[in-house]
Amino acid sequence: MPAFTFEKISPPVRRGPIAPVEQKQRGVIVQMLDRLVEARARRAAGQDKAETAGRDSAAPE
């Protein structure tokens, strides 16, 4: 026979919507990703311009 027993305690009842907090966090993450994508696109566009300019000036034929 056990010397002690555990009493089951139910988890607390959540009240109110939790969705606005998740939406706000998701919004921040989406903004950060947008900034990274824009920066990468700018770098890629700058490299494309440099490559085309380098080809034009390097080929005097």
PDB file of N, CA and C in Angstrom:
ATOM      1  N   MET A   1       0.845  -1.177   0.000  1.00  0.00           N
ATOM      2  CA  MET A   1       0.000   0.000   0.000  1.00  0.00           C
ATOM      3  C   MET A   1       0.894   1.244   0.000  1.00  0.00           C
ATOM      4  N   PRO A   2       0.601   2.234  -0.921  1.00  0.00           N
ATOM      5  CA  PRO A   2       1.458   3.419  -0.999  1.00  0.00           C
ATOM      6  C   PRO A   2       1.339   4.288   0.255  1.00  0.00           C
ATOM      7  N   ALA A   3       2.439   4.945   0.558  1.00  0.00           N
ATOM      8  CA  ALA A   3       2.466   5.809   1.731  1.00  0.00           C
ATOM      9  C   ALA A   3       1.779   7.148   1.457  1.00  0.00           C
ATOM     10  N   PHE A   4       1.688   7.526   0.191  1.00  0.00           N
ATOM     11  CA  PHE A   4       1.024   8.780  -0.149  1.00  0.00           C
ATOM     12  C   PHE A   4       0.390   8.646  -1.541  1.00  0.00           C
ATOM     13  N   THR A   5      -0.508   9.549  -1.885  1.00  0.00           N
ATOM     14  CA  THR A   5      -1.152   9.548  -3.195  1.00  0.00           C
ATOM     15  C   THR A   5      -1.102  10.961  -3.776  1.00  0.00           C
ATOM     16  N   PHE A   6      -1.218  11.027  -5.084  1.00  0.00           N
ATOM     17  CA  PHE A   6      -1.229  12.318  -5.743  1.00  0.00           C
ATOM     18  C   PHE A   6      -2.656  12.695  -6.086  1.00  0.00           C
ATOM     19  N   GLU A   7      -2.982  13.938  -5.878  1.00  0.00           N
ATOM     20  CA  GLU A   7      -4.304  14.428  -6.205  1.00  0.00           C
ATOM     21  C   GLU A   7      -4.236  15.081  -7.583  1.00  0.00           C
ATOM     22  N   LYS A   8      -5.169  14.728  -8.445  1.00  0.00           N
ATOM     23  CA  LYS A   8      -5.177  15.326  -9.774  1.00  0.00           C
ATOM     24  C   LYS A   8      -5.683  16.762  -9.677  1.00  0.00           C
ATOM     25  N   ILE A   9      -4.908  17.667 -10.248  1.00  0.00           N
ATOM     26  CA  ILE A   9      -5.298  19.068 -10.268  1.00  0.00           C
ATOM     27  C   ILE A   9      -5.516  19.447 -11.728  1.00  0.00           C
ATOM     28  N   SER A  10      -6.690  19.945 -12.025  1.00  0.00           N
ATOM     29  CA  SER A  10      -6.984  20.314 -13.408  1.00  0.00           C
ATOM     30  C   SER A  10      -6.263  21.623 -13.746  1.00  0.00           C
ATOM     31  N   PRO A  11      -5.886  21.790 -15.016  1.00  0.00           N
ATOM     32  CA  PRO A  11      -5.202  23.016 -15.415  1.00  0.00           C
ATOM     33  C   PRO A  11      -6.139  24.216 -15.306  1.00  0.00           C
ATOM     34  N   PRO A  12      -5.596  25.406 -15.153  1.00  0.00           N
ATOM     35  CA  PRO A  12      -6.457  26.585 -15.027  1.00  0.00           C
ATOM     36  C   PRO A  12      -7.225  26.848 -16.325  1.00  0.00           C
ATOM     37  N   VAL A  13      -8.411  27.378 -16.194  1.00  0.00           N
ATOM     38  CA  VAL A  13      -9.252  27.665 -17.345  1.00  0.00           C
ATOM     39  C   VAL A  13      -8.762  28.963 -17.976  1.00  0.00           C
ATOM     40  N   ARG A  14      -8.522  28.906 -19.270  1.00  0.00           N
ATOM     41  CA  ARG A  14      -8.071  30.115 -19.971  1.00  0.00           C
ATOM     42  C   ARG A  14      -9.280  30.929 -20.365  1.00  0.00           C
ATOM     43  N   ARG A  15      -9.202  32.203 -20.078  1.00  0.00           N
ATOM     44  CA  ARG A  15     -10.314  33.096 -20.401  1.00  0.00           C
ATOM     45  C   ARG A  15      -9.829  34.166 -21.345  1.00  0.00           C
ATOM     46  N   GLY A  16     -10.651  34.490 -22.306  1.00  0.00           N
ATOM     47  CA  GLY A  16     -10.310  35.529 -23.268  1.00  0.00           C
ATOM     48  C   GLY A  16      -9.553  34.963 -24.446  1.00  0.00           C
ATOM     49  N   PRO A  17      -9.572  35.688 -25.536  1.00  0.00           N
ATOM     50  CA  PRO A  17      -8.894  35.207 -26.743  1.00  0.00           C
ATOM     51  C   PRO A  17      -7.375  35.333 -26.619  1.00  0.00           C
ATOM     52  N   ILE A  18      -6.684  34.362 -27.149  1.00  0.00           N
ATOM     53  CA  ILE A  18      -5.224  34.374 -27.151  1.00  0.00           C
ATOM     54  C   ILE A  18      -4.729  34.799 -28.535  1.00  0.00           C
ATOM     55  N   ALA A  19      -5.597  34.762 -29.529  1.00  0.00           N
ATOM     56  CA  ALA A  19      -5.226  35.035 -30.914  1.00  0.00           C
ATOM     57  C   ALA A  19      -4.551  36.398 -31.131  1.00  0.00           C
ATOM     58  N   PRO A  20      -5.010  37.505 -30.518  1.00  0.00           N
ATOM     59  CA  PRO A  20      -4.349  38.787 -30.788  1.00  0.00           C
ATOM     60  C   PRO A  20      -2.860  38.783 -30.443  1.00  0.00           C
ATOM     61  N   VAL A  21      -2.466  38.092 -29.401  1.00  0.00           N
ATOM     62  CA  VAL A  21      -1.055  38.038 -29.044  1.00  0.00           C
ATOM     63  C   VAL A  21      -0.280  37.298 -30.124  1.00  0.00           C
ATOM     64  N   GLU A  22      -0.829  36.186 -30.611  1.00  0.00           N
ATOM     65  CA  GLU A  22      -0.161  35.416 -31.655  1.00  0.00           C
ATOM     66  C   GLU A  22      -0.075  36.223 -32.942  1.00  0.00           C
ATOM     67  N   GLN A  23      -1.137  36.944 -33.275  1.00  0.00           N
ATOM     68  CA  GLN A  23      -1.127  37.741 -34.489  1.00  0.00           C
ATOM     69  C   GLN A  23      -0.083  38.840 -34.394  1.00  0.00           C
ATOM     70  N   LYS A  24       0.047  39.437 -33.244  1.00  0.00           N
ATOM     71  CA  LYS A  24       1.025  40.509 -33.077  1.00  0.00           C
ATOM     72  C   LYS A  24       2.438  39.942 -33.225  1.00  0.00           C
ATOM     73  N   GLN A  25       2.721  38.802 -32.606  1.00  0.00           N
ATOM     74  CA  GLN A  25       4.039  38.202 -32.723  1.00  0.00           C
ATOM     75  C   GLN A  25       4.306  37.800 -34.166  1.00  0.00           C
ATOM     76  N   ARG A  26       3.319  37.250 -34.820  1.00  0.00           N
ATOM     77  CA  ARG A  26       3.488  36.855 -36.210  1.00  0.00           C
ATOM     78  C   ARG A  26       3.759  38.089 -37.065  1.00  0.00           C
ATOM     79  N   GLY A  27       3.093  39.190 -36.774  1.00  0.00           N
ATOM     80  CA  GLY A  27       3.308  40.418 -37.518  1.00  0.00           C
ATOM     81  C   GLY A  27       4.743  40.900 -37.406  1.00  0.00           C
ATOM     82  N   VAL A  28       5.312  40.810 -36.231  1.00  0.00           N
ATOM     83  CA  VAL A  28       6.696  41.235 -36.029  1.00  0.00           C
ATOM     84  C   VAL A  28       7.640  40.325 -36.806  1.00  0.00           C
ATOM     85  N   ILE A  29       7.382  39.035 -36.774  1.00  0.00           N
ATOM     86  CA  ILE A  29       8.227  38.083 -37.493  1.00  0.00           C
ATOM     87  C   ILE A  29       8.125  38.332 -38.995  1.00  0.00           C
ATOM     88  N   VAL A  30       6.928  38.579 -39.486  1.00  0.00           N
ATOM     89  CA  VAL A  30       6.741  38.832 -40.912  1.00  0.00           C
ATOM     90  C   VAL A  30       7.471  40.113 -41.320  1.00  0.00           C
ATOM     91  N   GLN A  31       7.424  41.142 -40.476  1.00  0.00           N
ATOM     92  CA  GLN A  31       8.137  42.385 -40.784  1.00  0.00           C
ATOM     93  C   GLN A  31       9.633  42.139 -40.868  1.00  0.00           C
ATOM     94  N   MET A  32      10.170  41.356 -39.952  1.00  0.00           N
ATOM     95  CA  MET A  32      11.604  41.067 -39.963  1.00  0.00           C
ATOM     96  C   MET A  32      11.981  40.302 -41.234  1.00  0.00           C
ATOM     97  N   LEU A  33      11.168  39.317 -41.601  1.00  0.00           N
ATOM     98  CA  LEU A  33      11.449  38.553 -42.814  1.00  0.00           C
ATOM     99  C   LEU A  33      11.364  39.441 -44.053  1.00  0.00           C
ATOM    100  N   ASP A  34      10.386  40.351 -44.078  1.00  0.00           N
ATOM    101  CA  ASP A  34      10.271  41.266 -45.208  1.00  0.00           C
ATOM    102  C   ASP A  34      11.521  42.125 -45.346  1.00  0.00           C
ATOM    103  N   ARG A  35      12.042  42.605 -44.228  1.00  0.00           N
ATOM    104  CA  ARG A  35      13.263  43.417 -44.278  1.00  0.00           C
ATOM    105  C   ARG A  35      14.439  42.615 -44.813  1.00  0.00           C
ATOM    106  N   LEU A  36      14.567  41.367 -44.379  1.00  0.00           N
ATOM    107  CA  LEU A  36      15.659  40.531 -44.868  1.00  0.00           C
ATOM    108  C   LEU A  36      15.536  40.267 -46.366  1.00  0.00           C
ATOM    109  N   VAL A  37      14.317  39.999 -46.814  1.00  0.00           N
ATOM    110  CA  VAL A  37      14.099  39.718 -48.232  1.00  0.00           C
ATOM    111  C   VAL A  37      14.395  40.961 -49.063  1.00  0.00           C
ATOM    112  N   GLU A  38      13.971  42.134 -48.584  1.00  0.00           N
ATOM    113  CA  GLU A  38      14.241  43.370 -49.322  1.00  0.00           C
ATOM    114  C   GLU A  38      15.744  43.620 -49.421  1.00  0.00           C
ATOM    115  N   ALA A  39      16.457  43.409 -48.337  1.00  0.00           N
ATOM    116  CA  ALA A  39      17.905  43.622 -48.348  1.00  0.00           C
ATOM    117  C   ALA A  39      18.572  42.660 -49.322  1.00  0.00           C
ATOM    118  N   ARG A  40      18.146  41.426 -49.323  1.00  0.00           N
ATOM    119  CA  ARG A  40      18.735  40.438 -50.241  1.00  0.00           C
ATOM    120  C   ARG A  40      18.421  40.799 -51.684  1.00  0.00           C
ATOM    121  N   ALA A  41      17.210  41.266 -51.939  1.00  0.00           N
ATOM    122  CA  ALA A  41      16.820  41.652 -53.300  1.00  0.00           C
ATOM    123  C   ALA A  41      17.649  42.845 -53.766  1.00  0.00           C
ATOM    124  N   ARG A  42      17.883  43.815 -52.860  1.00  0.00           N
ATOM    125  CA  ARG A  42      18.700  44.971 -53.231  1.00  0.00           C
ATOM    126  C   ARG A  42      20.122  44.544 -53.571  1.00  0.00           C
ATOM    127  N   ARG A  43      20.677  43.638 -52.756  1.00  0.00           N
ATOM    128  CA  ARG A  43      22.043  43.168 -53.026  1.00  0.00           C
ATOM    129  C   ARG A  43      22.109  42.428 -54.356  1.00  0.00           C
ATOM    130  N   ALA A  44      21.110  41.589 -54.620  1.00  0.00           N
ATOM    131  CA  ALA A  44      21.085  40.831 -55.873  1.00  0.00           C
ATOM    132  C   ALA A  44      20.948  41.785 -57.052  1.00  0.00           C
ATOM    133  N   ALA A  45      20.121  42.804 -56.935  1.00  0.00           N
ATOM    134  CA  ALA A  45      19.947  43.772 -58.015  1.00  0.00           C
ATOM    135  C   ALA A  45      21.247  44.549 -58.232  1.00  0.00           C
ATOM    136  N   GLY A  46      21.930  44.904 -57.157  1.00  0.00           N
ATOM    137  CA  GLY A  46      23.201  45.612 -57.279  1.00  0.00           C
ATOM    138  C   GLY A  46      24.261  44.759 -57.935  1.00  0.00           C
ATOM    139  N   GLN A  47      24.287  43.478 -57.642  1.00  0.00           N
ATOM    140  CA  GLN A  47      25.259  42.569 -58.256  1.00  0.00           C
ATOM    141  C   GLN A  47      24.949  42.395 -59.741  1.00  0.00           C
ATOM    142  N   ASP A  48      23.674  42.322 -60.089  1.00  0.00           N
ATOM    143  CA  ASP A  48      23.296  42.191 -61.499  1.00  0.00           C
ATOM    144  C   ASP A  48      23.749  43.418 -62.283  1.00  0.00           C
ATOM    145  N   LYS A  49      23.556  44.607 -61.715  1.00  0.00           N
ATOM    146  CA  LYS A  49      23.977  45.832 -62.387  1.00  0.00           C
ATOM    147  C   LYS A  49      25.493  45.859 -62.536  1.00  0.00           C
ATOM    148  N   ALA A  50      26.210  45.434 -61.494  1.00  0.00           N
ATOM    149  CA  ALA A  50      27.673  45.434 -61.549  1.00  0.00           C
ATOM    150  C   ALA A  50      28.165  44.434 -62.580  1.00  0.00           C
ATOM    151  N   GLU A  51      27.521  43.298 -62.685  1.00  0.00           N
ATOM    152  CA  GLU A  51      27.933  42.285 -63.662  1.00  0.00           C
ATOM    153  C   GLU A  51      27.692  42.778 -65.081  1.00  0.00           C
ATOM    154  N   THR A  52      26.550  43.392 -65.350  1.00  0.00           N
ATOM    155  CA  THR A  52      26.270  43.877 -66.703  1.00  0.00           C
ATOM    156  C   THR A  52      27.179  45.043 -67.046  1.00  0.00           C
ATOM    157  N   ALA A  53      27.464  45.911 -66.084  1.00  0.00           N
ATOM    158  CA  ALA A  53      28.370  47.030 -66.341  1.00  0.00           C
ATOM    159  C   ALA A  53      29.783  46.509 -66.572  1.00  0.00           C
ATOM    160  N   GLY A  54      30.199  45.515 -65.840  1.00  0.00           N
ATOM    161  CA  GLY A  54      31.523  44.934 -66.011  1.00  0.00           C
ATOM    162  C   GLY A  54      31.668  44.248 -67.349  1.00  0.00           C
ATOM    163  N   ARG A  55      30.645  43.607 -67.826  1.00  0.00           N
ATOM    164  CA  ARG A  55      30.677  42.937 -69.130  1.00  0.00           C
ATOM    165  C   ARG A  55      30.773  43.956 -70.265  1.00  0.00           C
ATOM    166  N   ASP A  56      30.025  45.050 -70.147  1.00  0.00           N
ATOM    167  CA  ASP A  56      30.032  46.069 -71.202  1.00  0.00           C
ATOM    168  C   ASP A  56      31.399  46.735 -71.323  1.00  0.00           C
ATOM    169  N   SER A  57      32.015  47.070 -70.205  1.00  0.00           N
ATOM    170  CA  SER A  57      33.284  47.776 -70.246  1.00  0.00           C
ATOM    171  C   SER A  57      34.456  46.814 -70.490  1.00  0.00           C
ATOM    172  N   ALA A  58      34.306  45.547 -70.161  1.00  0.00           N
ATOM    173  CA  ALA A  58      35.382  44.587 -70.318  1.00  0.00           C
ATOM    174  C   ALA A  58      35.468  44.069 -71.749  1.00  0.00           C
ATOM    175  N   ALA A  59      34.442  44.188 -72.514  1.00  0.00           N
ATOM    176  CA  ALA A  59      34.431  43.667 -73.888  1.00  0.00           C
ATOM    177  C   ALA A  59      34.498  44.834 -74.881  1.00  0.00           C
ATOM    178  N   PRO A  60      35.710  45.296 -75.257  1.00  0.00           N
ATOM    179  CA  PRO A  60      35.814  46.452 -76.157  1.00  0.00           C
ATOM    180  C   PRO A  60      35.602  46.074 -77.622  1.00  0.00           C
ATOM    181  N   GLU A  61      35.311  44.857 -77.936  1.00  0.00           N
ATOM    182  CA  GLU A  61      35.166  44.425 -79.328  1.00  0.00           C
ATOM    183  C   GLU A  61      34.013  45.056 -79.994  1.00  0.00           C
TER     184      GLU A  61
END
